[in-house]
mmCIF file of all heavy atoms, coordinates in Angstrom:
data_MODEL
# 
_entry.id   MODEL 
# 
loop_
_atom_site.group_PDB 
_atom_site.id 
_atom_site.type_symbol 
_atom_site.label_atom_id 
_atom_site.label_alt_id 
_atom_site.label_comp_id 
_atom_site.label_asym_id 
_atom_site.label_entity_id 
_atom_site.label_seq_id 
_atom_site.pdbx_PDB_ins_code 
_atom_site.Cartn_x 
_atom_site.Cartn_y 
_atom_site.Cartn_z 
_atom_site.occupancy 
_atom_site.B_iso_or_equiv 
_atom_site.pdbx_formal_charge 
_atom_site.auth_seq_id 
_atom_site.auth_comp_id 
_atom_site.auth_asym_id 
_atom_site.auth_atom_id 
_atom_site.pdbx_PDB_model_num 
ATOM 1   N N   . ALA A 1 1  ? -84.126  -55.081 130.853 1.00 0.00 ? 1  ALA A N   1 
ATOM 2   C CA  . ALA A 1 1  ? -84.555  -56.378 130.319 1.00 0.00 ? 1  ALA A CA  1 
ATOM 3   C C   . ALA A 1 1  ? -85.353  -57.150 131.354 1.00 0.00 ? 1  ALA A C   1 
ATOM 4   O O   . ALA A 1 1  ? -86.242  -57.940 131.004 1.00 0.00 ? 1  ALA A O   1 
ATOM 5   C CB  . ALA A 1 1  ? -83.332  -57.188 129.884 1.00 0.00 ? 1  ALA A CB  1 
ATOM 6   N N   . GLU A 1 2  ? -85.074  -56.936 132.633 1.00 0.00 ? 2  GLU A N   1 
ATOM 7   C CA  . GLU A 1 2  ? -85.831  -57.600 133.698 1.00 0.00 ? 2  GLU A CA  1 
ATOM 8   C C   . GLU A 1 2  ? -87.187  -56.927 133.905 1.00 0.00 ? 2  GLU A C   1 
ATOM 9   O O   . GLU A 1 2  ? -88.199  -57.590 134.146 1.00 0.00 ? 2  GLU A O   1 
ATOM 10  C CB  . GLU A 1 2  ? -85.038  -57.560 134.999 1.00 0.00 ? 2  GLU A CB  1 
ATOM 11  C CG  . GLU A 1 2  ? -85.703  -58.315 136.146 1.00 0.00 ? 2  GLU A CG  1 
ATOM 12  C CD  . GLU A 1 2  ? -84.915  -58.249 137.436 1.00 0.00 ? 2  GLU A CD  1 
ATOM 13  O OE1 . GLU A 1 2  ? -84.127  -57.301 137.618 1.00 0.00 ? 2  GLU A OE1 1 
ATOM 14  O OE2 . GLU A 1 2  ? -85.087  -59.148 138.270 1.00 0.00 ? 2  GLU A OE2 1 
ATOM 15  N N   . LEU A 1 3  ? -87.223  -55.614 133.796 1.00 0.00 ? 3  LEU A N   1 
ATOM 16  C CA  . LEU A 1 3  ? -88.435  -54.855 134.098 1.00 0.00 ? 3  LEU A CA  1 
ATOM 17  C C   . LEU A 1 3  ? -89.472  -54.924 132.977 1.00 0.00 ? 3  LEU A C   1 
ATOM 18  O O   . LEU A 1 3  ? -90.678  -55.037 133.235 1.00 0.00 ? 3  LEU A O   1 
ATOM 19  C CB  . LEU A 1 3  ? -88.043  -53.395 134.366 1.00 0.00 ? 3  LEU A CB  1 
ATOM 20  C CG  . LEU A 1 3  ? -89.104  -52.431 134.875 1.00 0.00 ? 3  LEU A CG  1 
ATOM 21  C CD1 . LEU A 1 3  ? -89.688  -52.906 136.201 1.00 0.00 ? 3  LEU A CD1 1 
ATOM 22  C CD2 . LEU A 1 3  ? -88.497  -51.030 135.030 1.00 0.00 ? 3  LEU A CD2 1 
ATOM 23  N N   . ALA A 1 4  ? -89.014  -54.872 131.722 1.00 0.00 ? 4  ALA A N   1 
ATOM 24  C CA  . ALA A 1 4  ? -89.931  -54.738 130.580 1.00 0.00 ? 4  ALA A CA  1 
ATOM 25  C C   . ALA A 1 4  ? -90.966  -55.860 130.485 1.00 0.00 ? 4  ALA A C   1 
ATOM 26  O O   . ALA A 1 4  ? -92.161  -55.580 130.322 1.00 0.00 ? 4  ALA A O   1 
ATOM 27  C CB  . ALA A 1 4  ? -89.129  -54.629 129.283 1.00 0.00 ? 4  ALA A CB  1 
ATOM 28  N N   . PRO A 1 5  ? -90.583  -57.142 130.553 1.00 0.00 ? 5  PRO A N   1 
ATOM 29  C CA  . PRO A 1 5  ? -91.599  -58.192 130.390 1.00 0.00 ? 5  PRO A CA  1 
ATOM 30  C C   . PRO A 1 5  ? -92.658  -58.189 131.488 1.00 0.00 ? 5  PRO A C   1 
ATOM 31  O O   . PRO A 1 5  ? -93.811  -58.555 131.234 1.00 0.00 ? 5  PRO A O   1 
ATOM 32  C CB  . PRO A 1 5  ? -90.783  -59.485 130.389 1.00 0.00 ? 5  PRO A CB  1 
ATOM 33  C CG  . PRO A 1 5  ? -89.476  -59.148 130.978 1.00 0.00 ? 5  PRO A CG  1 
ATOM 34  C CD  . PRO A 1 5  ? -89.225  -57.714 130.660 1.00 0.00 ? 5  PRO A CD  1 
ATOM 35  N N   . VAL A 1 6  ? -92.279  -57.775 132.694 1.00 0.00 ? 6  VAL A N   1 
ATOM 36  C CA  . VAL A 1 6  ? -93.263  -57.705 133.778 1.00 0.00 ? 6  VAL A CA  1 
ATOM 37  C C   . VAL A 1 6  ? -94.299  -56.634 133.463 1.00 0.00 ? 6  VAL A C   1 
ATOM 38  O O   . VAL A 1 6  ? -95.513  -56.859 133.580 1.00 0.00 ? 6  VAL A O   1 
ATOM 39  C CB  . VAL A 1 6  ? -92.578  -57.402 135.129 1.00 0.00 ? 6  VAL A CB  1 
ATOM 40  C CG1 . VAL A 1 6  ? -93.613  -57.389 136.245 1.00 0.00 ? 6  VAL A CG1 1 
ATOM 41  C CG2 . VAL A 1 6  ? -91.481  -58.411 135.419 1.00 0.00 ? 6  VAL A CG2 1 
ATOM 42  N N   . ILE A 1 7  ? -93.834  -55.471 133.036 1.00 0.00 ? 7  ILE A N   1 
ATOM 43  C CA  . ILE A 1 7  ? -94.761  -54.382 132.709 1.00 0.00 ? 7  ILE A CA  1 
ATOM 44  C C   . ILE A 1 7  ? -95.666  -54.784 131.547 1.00 0.00 ? 7  ILE A C   1 
ATOM 45  O O   . ILE A 1 7  ? -96.882  -54.547 131.580 1.00 0.00 ? 7  ILE A O   1 
ATOM 46  C CB  . ILE A 1 7  ? -93.988  -53.092 132.388 1.00 0.00 ? 7  ILE A CB  1 
ATOM 47  C CG1 . ILE A 1 7  ? -93.247  -52.596 133.635 1.00 0.00 ? 7  ILE A CG1 1 
ATOM 48  C CG2 . ILE A 1 7  ? -94.931  -52.009 131.855 1.00 0.00 ? 7  ILE A CG2 1 
ATOM 49  C CD1 . ILE A 1 7  ? -92.368  -51.378 133.394 1.00 0.00 ? 7  ILE A CD1 1 
ATOM 50  N N   . ARG A 1 8  ? -95.084  -55.439 130.549 1.00 0.00 ? 8  ARG A N   1 
ATOM 51  C CA  . ARG A 1 8  ? -95.884  -55.811 129.374 1.00 0.00 ? 8  ARG A CA  1 
ATOM 52  C C   . ARG A 1 8  ? -96.996  -56.789 129.747 1.00 0.00 ? 8  ARG A C   1 
ATOM 53  O O   . ARG A 1 8  ? -98.147  -56.619 129.342 1.00 0.00 ? 8  ARG A O   1 
ATOM 54  C CB  . ARG A 1 8  ? -94.981  -56.410 128.281 1.00 0.00 ? 8  ARG A CB  1 
ATOM 55  C CG  . ARG A 1 8  ? -94.127  -55.390 127.544 1.00 0.00 ? 8  ARG A CG  1 
ATOM 56  C CD  . ARG A 1 8  ? -93.576  -55.965 126.247 1.00 0.00 ? 8  ARG A CD  1 
ATOM 57  N NE  . ARG A 1 8  ? -92.691  -57.105 126.482 1.00 0.00 ? 8  ARG A NE  1 
ATOM 58  C CZ  . ARG A 1 8  ? -91.370  -57.022 126.566 1.00 0.00 ? 8  ARG A CZ  1 
ATOM 59  N NH1 . ARG A 1 8  ? -90.763  -55.847 126.431 1.00 0.00 ? 8  ARG A NH1 1 
ATOM 60  N NH2 . ARG A 1 8  ? -90.630  -58.106 126.767 1.00 0.00 ? 8  ARG A NH2 1 
ATOM 61  N N   . ARG A 1 9  ? -96.663  -57.819 130.522 1.00 0.00 ? 9  ARG A N   1 
ATOM 62  C CA  . ARG A 1 9  ? -97.682  -58.836 130.785 1.00 0.00 ? 9  ARG A CA  1 
ATOM 63  C C   . ARG A 1 9  ? -98.764  -58.324 131.741 1.00 0.00 ? 9  ARG A C   1 
ATOM 64  O O   . ARG A 1 9  ? -99.942  -58.670 131.594 1.00 0.00 ? 9  ARG A O   1 
ATOM 65  C CB  . ARG A 1 9  ? -97.053  -60.129 131.296 1.00 0.00 ? 9  ARG A CB  1 
ATOM 66  C CG  . ARG A 1 9  ? -96.452  -60.118 132.672 1.00 0.00 ? 9  ARG A CG  1 
ATOM 67  C CD  . ARG A 1 9  ? -96.043  -61.540 133.077 1.00 0.00 ? 9  ARG A CD  1 
ATOM 68  N NE  . ARG A 1 9  ? -95.350  -61.575 134.355 1.00 0.00 ? 9  ARG A NE  1 
ATOM 69  C CZ  . ARG A 1 9  ? -94.021  -61.610 134.494 1.00 0.00 ? 9  ARG A CZ  1 
ATOM 70  N NH1 . ARG A 1 9  ? -93.243  -61.626 133.417 1.00 0.00 ? 9  ARG A NH1 1 
ATOM 71  N NH2 . ARG A 1 9  ? -93.481  -61.638 135.703 1.00 0.00 ? 9  ARG A NH2 1 
ATOM 72  N N   . VAL A 1 10 ? -98.389  -57.495 132.710 1.00 0.00 ? 10 VAL A N   1 
ATOM 73  C CA  . VAL A 1 10 ? -99.402  -56.976 133.631 1.00 0.00 ? 10 VAL A CA  1 
ATOM 74  C C   . VAL A 1 10 ? -100.276 -55.949 132.919 1.00 0.00 ? 10 VAL A C   1 
ATOM 75  O O   . VAL A 1 10 ? -101.500 -55.924 133.109 1.00 0.00 ? 10 VAL A O   1 
ATOM 76  C CB  . VAL A 1 10 ? -98.750  -56.372 134.893 1.00 0.00 ? 10 VAL A CB  1 
ATOM 77  C CG1 . VAL A 1 10 ? -99.818  -55.807 135.832 1.00 0.00 ? 10 VAL A CG1 1 
ATOM 78  C CG2 . VAL A 1 10 ? -97.924  -57.427 135.620 1.00 0.00 ? 10 VAL A CG2 1 
ATOM 79  N N   . ALA A 1 11 ? -99.689  -55.120 132.080 1.00 0.00 ? 11 ALA A N   1 
ATOM 80  C CA  . ALA A 1 11 ? -100.474 -54.148 131.311 1.00 0.00 ? 11 ALA A CA  1 
ATOM 81  C C   . ALA A 1 11 ? -101.443 -54.857 130.373 1.00 0.00 ? 11 ALA A C   1 
ATOM 82  O O   . ALA A 1 11 ? -102.590 -54.424 130.198 1.00 0.00 ? 11 ALA A O   1 
ATOM 83  C CB  . ALA A 1 11 ? -99.538  -53.227 130.526 1.00 0.00 ? 11 ALA A CB  1 
ATOM 84  N N   . LYS A 1 12 ? -101.005 -55.977 129.784 1.00 0.00 ? 12 LYS A N   1 
ATOM 85  C CA  . LYS A 1 12 ? -101.852 -56.709 128.846 1.00 0.00 ? 12 LYS A CA  1 
ATOM 86  C C   . LYS A 1 12 ? -103.111 -57.229 129.529 1.00 0.00 ? 12 LYS A C   1 
ATOM 87  O O   . LYS A 1 12 ? -104.188 -57.277 128.921 1.00 0.00 ? 12 LYS A O   1 
ATOM 88  C CB  . LYS A 1 12 ? -101.062 -57.876 128.246 1.00 0.00 ? 12 LYS A CB  1 
ATOM 89  C CG  . LYS A 1 12 ? -101.808 -58.629 127.157 1.00 0.00 ? 12 LYS A CG  1 
ATOM 90  C CD  . LYS A 1 12 ? -100.927 -59.712 126.535 1.00 0.00 ? 12 LYS A CD  1 
ATOM 91  C CE  . LYS A 1 12 ? -101.680 -60.457 125.437 1.00 0.00 ? 12 LYS A CE  1 
ATOM 92  N NZ  . LYS A 1 12 ? -100.819 -61.508 124.811 1.00 0.00 ? 12 LYS A NZ  1 
ATOM 93  N N   . ARG A 1 13 ? -103.008 -57.599 130.795 1.00 0.00 ? 13 ARG A N   1 
ATOM 94  C CA  . ARG A 1 13 ? -104.189 -58.096 131.507 1.00 0.00 ? 13 ARG A CA  1 
ATOM 95  C C   . ARG A 1 13 ? -104.922 -56.987 132.272 1.00 0.00 ? 13 ARG A C   1 
ATOM 96  O O   . ARG A 1 13 ? -105.797 -57.245 133.089 1.00 0.00 ? 13 ARG A O   1 
ATOM 97  C CB  . ARG A 1 13 ? -103.807 -59.240 132.447 1.00 0.00 ? 13 ARG A CB  1 
ATOM 98  C CG  . ARG A 1 13 ? -102.853 -58.903 133.569 1.00 0.00 ? 13 ARG A CG  1 
ATOM 99  C CD  . ARG A 1 13 ? -102.458 -60.167 134.341 1.00 0.00 ? 13 ARG A CD  1 
ATOM 100 N NE  . ARG A 1 13 ? -101.646 -59.893 135.517 1.00 0.00 ? 13 ARG A NE  1 
ATOM 101 C CZ  . ARG A 1 13 ? -100.447 -60.442 135.740 1.00 0.00 ? 13 ARG A CZ  1 
ATOM 102 N NH1 . ARG A 1 13 ? -99.913  -61.280 134.852 1.00 0.00 ? 13 ARG A NH1 1 
ATOM 103 N NH2 . ARG A 1 13 ? -99.791  -60.156 136.854 1.00 0.00 ? 13 ARG A NH2 1 
ATOM 104 N N   . GLY A 1 14 ? -104.526 -55.739 132.000 1.00 0.00 ? 14 GLY A N   1 
ATOM 105 C CA  . GLY A 1 14 ? -105.221 -54.603 132.595 1.00 0.00 ? 14 GLY A CA  1 
ATOM 106 C C   . GLY A 1 14 ? -104.929 -54.401 134.068 1.00 0.00 ? 14 GLY A C   1 
ATOM 107 O O   . GLY A 1 14 ? -105.726 -53.782 134.791 1.00 0.00 ? 14 GLY A O   1 
ATOM 108 N N   . GLY A 1 15 ? -103.784 -54.886 134.526 1.00 0.00 ? 15 GLY A N   1 
ATOM 109 C CA  . GLY A 1 15 ? -103.475 -54.843 135.946 1.00 0.00 ? 15 GLY A CA  1 
ATOM 110 C C   . GLY A 1 15 ? -102.782 -53.573 136.390 1.00 0.00 ? 15 GLY A C   1 
ATOM 111 O O   . GLY A 1 15 ? -102.322 -52.748 135.592 1.00 0.00 ? 15 GLY A O   1 
ATOM 112 N N   . VAL A 1 16 ? -102.704 -53.436 137.703 1.00 0.00 ? 16 VAL A N   1 
ATOM 113 C CA  . VAL A 1 16 ? -102.001 -52.335 138.354 1.00 0.00 ? 16 VAL A CA  1 
ATOM 114 C C   . VAL A 1 16 ? -100.679 -52.869 138.895 1.00 0.00 ? 16 VAL A C   1 
ATOM 115 O O   . VAL A 1 16 ? -100.649 -53.917 139.547 1.00 0.00 ? 16 VAL A O   1 
ATOM 116 C CB  . VAL A 1 16 ? -102.839 -51.746 139.508 1.00 0.00 ? 16 VAL A CB  1 
ATOM 117 C CG1 . VAL A 1 16 ? -102.056 -50.666 140.241 1.00 0.00 ? 16 VAL A CG1 1 
ATOM 118 C CG2 . VAL A 1 16 ? -104.166 -51.201 138.984 1.00 0.00 ? 16 VAL A CG2 1 
ATOM 119 N N   . ILE A 1 17 ? -99.601  -52.165 138.605 1.00 0.00 ? 17 ILE A N   1 
ATOM 120 C CA  . ILE A 1 17 ? -98.286  -52.529 139.128 1.00 0.00 ? 17 ILE A CA  1 
ATOM 121 C C   . ILE A 1 17 ? -97.948  -51.569 140.267 1.00 0.00 ? 17 ILE A C   1 
ATOM 122 O O   . ILE A 1 17 ? -97.840  -50.355 140.057 1.00 0.00 ? 17 ILE A O   1 
ATOM 123 C CB  . ILE A 1 17 ? -97.203  -52.447 138.036 1.00 0.00 ? 17 ILE A CB  1 
ATOM 124 C CG1 . ILE A 1 17 ? -97.514  -53.422 136.899 1.00 0.00 ? 17 ILE A CG1 1 
ATOM 125 C CG2 . ILE A 1 17 ? -95.828  -52.733 138.629 1.00 0.00 ? 17 ILE A CG2 1 
ATOM 126 C CD1 . ILE A 1 17 ? -96.574  -53.303 135.718 1.00 0.00 ? 17 ILE A CD1 1 
ATOM 127 N N   . VAL A 1 18 ? -97.814  -52.106 141.462 1.00 0.00 ? 18 VAL A N   1 
ATOM 128 C CA  . VAL A 1 18 ? -97.410  -51.309 142.621 1.00 0.00 ? 18 VAL A CA  1 
ATOM 129 C C   . VAL A 1 18 ? -95.940  -51.612 142.901 1.00 0.00 ? 18 VAL A C   1 
ATOM 130 O O   . VAL A 1 18 ? -95.566  -52.775 143.073 1.00 0.00 ? 18 VAL A O   1 
ATOM 131 C CB  . VAL A 1 18 ? -98.266  -51.633 143.856 1.00 0.00 ? 18 VAL A CB  1 
ATOM 132 C CG1 . VAL A 1 18 ? -97.807  -50.798 145.057 1.00 0.00 ? 18 VAL A CG1 1 
ATOM 133 C CG2 . VAL A 1 18 ? -99.743  -51.376 143.573 1.00 0.00 ? 18 VAL A CG2 1 
ATOM 134 N N   . ILE A 1 19 ? -95.124  -50.569 142.917 1.00 0.00 ? 19 ILE A N   1 
ATOM 135 C CA  . ILE A 1 19 ? -93.697  -50.748 143.162 1.00 0.00 ? 19 ILE A CA  1 
ATOM 136 C C   . ILE A 1 19 ? -93.314  -50.013 144.442 1.00 0.00 ? 19 ILE A C   1 
ATOM 137 O O   . ILE A 1 19 ? -93.173  -48.789 144.446 1.00 0.00 ? 19 ILE A O   1 
ATOM 138 C CB  . ILE A 1 19 ? -92.832  -50.234 141.984 1.00 0.00 ? 19 ILE A CB  1 
ATOM 139 C CG1 . ILE A 1 19 ? -93.336  -50.774 140.644 1.00 0.00 ? 19 ILE A CG1 1 
ATOM 140 C CG2 . ILE A 1 19 ? -91.381  -50.632 142.204 1.00 0.00 ? 19 ILE A CG2 1 
ATOM 141 C CD1 . ILE A 1 19 ? -92.527  -50.316 139.445 1.00 0.00 ? 19 ILE A CD1 1 
ATOM 142 N N   . PRO A 1 20 ? -93.167  -50.735 145.556 1.00 0.00 ? 20 PRO A N   1 
ATOM 143 C CA  . PRO A 1 20 ? -92.635  -50.093 146.763 1.00 0.00 ? 20 PRO A CA  1 
ATOM 144 C C   . PRO A 1 20 ? -91.175  -49.724 146.512 1.00 0.00 ? 20 PRO A C   1 
ATOM 145 O O   . PRO A 1 20 ? -90.377  -50.568 146.084 1.00 0.00 ? 20 PRO A O   1 
ATOM 146 C CB  . PRO A 1 20 ? -92.743  -51.179 147.837 1.00 0.00 ? 20 PRO A CB  1 
ATOM 147 C CG  . PRO A 1 20 ? -93.645  -52.232 147.253 1.00 0.00 ? 20 PRO A CG  1 
ATOM 148 C CD  . PRO A 1 20 ? -93.464  -52.157 145.778 1.00 0.00 ? 20 PRO A CD  1 
ATOM 149 N N   . ALA A 1 21 ? -90.824  -48.473 146.731 1.00 0.00 ? 21 ALA A N   1 
ATOM 150 C CA  . ALA A 1 21 ? -89.473  -48.032 146.389 1.00 0.00 ? 21 ALA A CA  1 
ATOM 151 C C   . ALA A 1 21 ? -88.983  -47.011 147.394 1.00 0.00 ? 21 ALA A C   1 
ATOM 152 O O   . ALA A 1 21 ? -89.738  -46.139 147.835 1.00 0.00 ? 21 ALA A O   1 
ATOM 153 C CB  . ALA A 1 21 ? -89.453  -47.424 144.986 1.00 0.00 ? 21 ALA A CB  1 
ATOM 154 N N   . PHE A 1 22 ? -87.719  -47.119 147.761 1.00 0.00 ? 22 PHE A N   1 
ATOM 155 C CA  . PHE A 1 22 ? -87.121  -46.081 148.589 1.00 0.00 ? 22 PHE A CA  1 
ATOM 156 C C   . PHE A 1 22 ? -87.246  -44.752 147.861 1.00 0.00 ? 22 PHE A C   1 
ATOM 157 O O   . PHE A 1 22 ? -86.905  -44.638 146.676 1.00 0.00 ? 22 PHE A O   1 
ATOM 158 C CB  . PHE A 1 22 ? -85.655  -46.411 148.872 1.00 0.00 ? 22 PHE A CB  1 
ATOM 159 C CG  . PHE A 1 22 ? -85.478  -47.698 149.619 1.00 0.00 ? 22 PHE A CG  1 
ATOM 160 C CD1 . PHE A 1 22 ? -84.986  -48.825 148.977 1.00 0.00 ? 22 PHE A CD1 1 
ATOM 161 C CD2 . PHE A 1 22 ? -85.829  -47.798 150.957 1.00 0.00 ? 22 PHE A CD2 1 
ATOM 162 C CE1 . PHE A 1 22 ? -84.834  -50.020 149.662 1.00 0.00 ? 22 PHE A CE1 1 
ATOM 163 C CE2 . PHE A 1 22 ? -85.685  -48.991 151.647 1.00 0.00 ? 22 PHE A CE2 1 
ATOM 164 C CZ  . PHE A 1 22 ? -85.195  -50.107 151.003 1.00 0.00 ? 22 PHE A CZ  1 
ATOM 165 N N   . ALA A 1 23 ? -87.736  -43.744 148.560 1.00 0.00 ? 23 ALA A N   1 
ATOM 166 C CA  . ALA A 1 23 ? -88.049  -42.470 147.924 1.00 0.00 ? 23 ALA A CA  1 
ATOM 167 C C   . ALA A 1 23 ? -86.813  -41.766 147.384 1.00 0.00 ? 23 ALA A C   1 
ATOM 168 O O   . ALA A 1 23 ? -86.896  -40.985 146.449 1.00 0.00 ? 23 ALA A O   1 
ATOM 169 C CB  . ALA A 1 23 ? -88.770  -41.556 148.924 1.00 0.00 ? 23 ALA A CB  1 
ATOM 170 N N   . VAL A 1 24 ? -85.677  -42.066 147.980 1.00 0.00 ? 24 VAL A N   1 
ATOM 171 C CA  . VAL A 1 24 ? -84.432  -41.431 147.568 1.00 0.00 ? 24 VAL A CA  1 
ATOM 172 C C   . VAL A 1 24 ? -83.507  -42.487 146.981 1.00 0.00 ? 24 VAL A C   1 
ATOM 173 O O   . VAL A 1 24 ? -83.047  -43.380 147.681 1.00 0.00 ? 24 VAL A O   1 
ATOM 174 C CB  . VAL A 1 24 ? -83.748  -40.728 148.754 1.00 0.00 ? 24 VAL A CB  1 
ATOM 175 C CG1 . VAL A 1 24 ? -82.445  -40.086 148.306 1.00 0.00 ? 24 VAL A CG1 1 
ATOM 176 C CG2 . VAL A 1 24 ? -84.671  -39.680 149.353 1.00 0.00 ? 24 VAL A CG2 1 
ATOM 177 N N   . GLY A 1 25 ? -83.296  -42.413 145.694 1.00 0.00 ? 25 GLY A N   1 
ATOM 178 C CA  . GLY A 1 25 ? -82.411  -43.344 145.012 1.00 0.00 ? 25 GLY A CA  1 
ATOM 179 C C   . GLY A 1 25 ? -83.154  -44.343 144.159 1.00 0.00 ? 25 GLY A C   1 
ATOM 180 O O   . GLY A 1 25 ? -83.088  -44.306 142.933 1.00 0.00 ? 25 GLY A O   1 
ATOM 181 N N   . ARG A 1 26 ? -83.916  -45.233 144.788 1.00 0.00 ? 26 ARG A N   1 
ATOM 182 C CA  . ARG A 1 26 ? -84.579  -46.289 144.034 1.00 0.00 ? 26 ARG A CA  1 
ATOM 183 C C   . ARG A 1 26 ? -85.705  -45.746 143.155 1.00 0.00 ? 26 ARG A C   1 
ATOM 184 O O   . ARG A 1 26 ? -85.853  -46.150 142.002 1.00 0.00 ? 26 ARG A O   1 
ATOM 185 C CB  . ARG A 1 26 ? -85.112  -47.348 144.993 1.00 0.00 ? 26 ARG A CB  1 
ATOM 186 C CG  . ARG A 1 26 ? -85.611  -48.619 144.323 1.00 0.00 ? 26 ARG A CG  1 
ATOM 187 C CD  . ARG A 1 26 ? -84.551  -49.298 143.461 1.00 0.00 ? 26 ARG A CD  1 
ATOM 188 N NE  . ARG A 1 26 ? -83.251  -49.237 144.073 1.00 0.00 ? 26 ARG A NE  1 
ATOM 189 C CZ  . ARG A 1 26 ? -82.854  -49.970 145.102 1.00 0.00 ? 26 ARG A CZ  1 
ATOM 190 N NH1 . ARG A 1 26 ? -83.665  -50.861 145.623 1.00 0.00 ? 26 ARG A NH1 1 
ATOM 191 N NH2 . ARG A 1 26 ? -81.640  -49.851 145.601 1.00 0.00 ? 26 ARG A NH2 1 
ATOM 192 N N   . ALA A 1 27 ? -86.517  -44.844 143.682 1.00 0.00 ? 27 ALA A N   1 
ATOM 193 C CA  . ALA A 1 27 ? -87.617  -44.287 142.886 1.00 0.00 ? 27 ALA A CA  1 
ATOM 194 C C   . ALA A 1 27 ? -87.079  -43.610 141.635 1.00 0.00 ? 27 ALA A C   1 
ATOM 195 O O   . ALA A 1 27 ? -87.635  -43.763 140.535 1.00 0.00 ? 27 ALA A O   1 
ATOM 196 C CB  . ALA A 1 27 ? -88.426  -43.295 143.727 1.00 0.00 ? 27 ALA A CB  1 
ATOM 197 N N   . GLN A 1 28 ? -85.976  -42.879 141.764 1.00 0.00 ? 28 GLN A N   1 
ATOM 198 C CA  . GLN A 1 28 ? -85.409  -42.178 140.611 1.00 0.00 ? 28 GLN A CA  1 
ATOM 199 C C   . GLN A 1 28 ? -84.869  -43.160 139.575 1.00 0.00 ? 28 GLN A C   1 
ATOM 200 O O   . GLN A 1 28 ? -85.062  -42.982 138.371 1.00 0.00 ? 28 GLN A O   1 
ATOM 201 C CB  . GLN A 1 28 ? -84.302  -41.225 141.074 1.00 0.00 ? 28 GLN A CB  1 
ATOM 202 C CG  . GLN A 1 28 ? -84.799  -40.026 141.863 1.00 0.00 ? 28 GLN A CG  1 
ATOM 203 C CD  . GLN A 1 28 ? -85.249  -40.370 143.270 1.00 0.00 ? 28 GLN A CD  1 
ATOM 204 O OE1 . GLN A 1 28 ? -84.740  -41.314 143.899 1.00 0.00 ? 28 GLN A OE1 1 
ATOM 205 N NE2 . GLN A 1 28 ? -86.204  -39.611 143.793 1.00 0.00 ? 28 GLN A NE2 1 
ATOM 206 N N   . GLY A 1 29 ? -84.213  -44.230 140.044 1.00 0.00 ? 29 GLY A N   1 
ATOM 207 C CA  . GLY A 1 29 ? -83.707  -45.235 139.113 1.00 0.00 ? 29 GLY A CA  1 
ATOM 208 C C   . GLY A 1 29 ? -84.820  -45.931 138.349 1.00 0.00 ? 29 GLY A C   1 
ATOM 209 O O   . GLY A 1 29 ? -84.716  -46.171 137.148 1.00 0.00 ? 29 GLY A O   1 
ATOM 210 N N   . LEU A 1 30 ? -85.905  -46.250 139.050 1.00 0.00 ? 30 LEU A N   1 
ATOM 211 C CA  . LEU A 1 30 ? -87.044  -46.891 138.386 1.00 0.00 ? 30 LEU A CA  1 
ATOM 212 C C   . LEU A 1 30 ? -87.643  -45.995 137.323 1.00 0.00 ? 30 LEU A C   1 
ATOM 213 O O   . LEU A 1 30 ? -87.928  -46.430 136.192 1.00 0.00 ? 30 LEU A O   1 
ATOM 214 C CB  . LEU A 1 30 ? -88.111  -47.252 139.428 1.00 0.00 ? 30 LEU A CB  1 
ATOM 215 C CG  . LEU A 1 30 ? -87.815  -48.484 140.281 1.00 0.00 ? 30 LEU A CG  1 
ATOM 216 C CD1 . LEU A 1 30 ? -88.640  -48.464 141.551 1.00 0.00 ? 30 LEU A CD1 1 
ATOM 217 C CD2 . LEU A 1 30 ? -88.080  -49.762 139.491 1.00 0.00 ? 30 LEU A CD2 1 
# 
């Protein structure tokens, strides 16, 4: 519920979402 609205609004304006994520654990959860 926290992630979805961010993706929707940035995608609507044609933007790029960069997510810095720990390669082990966080990347898989995302």
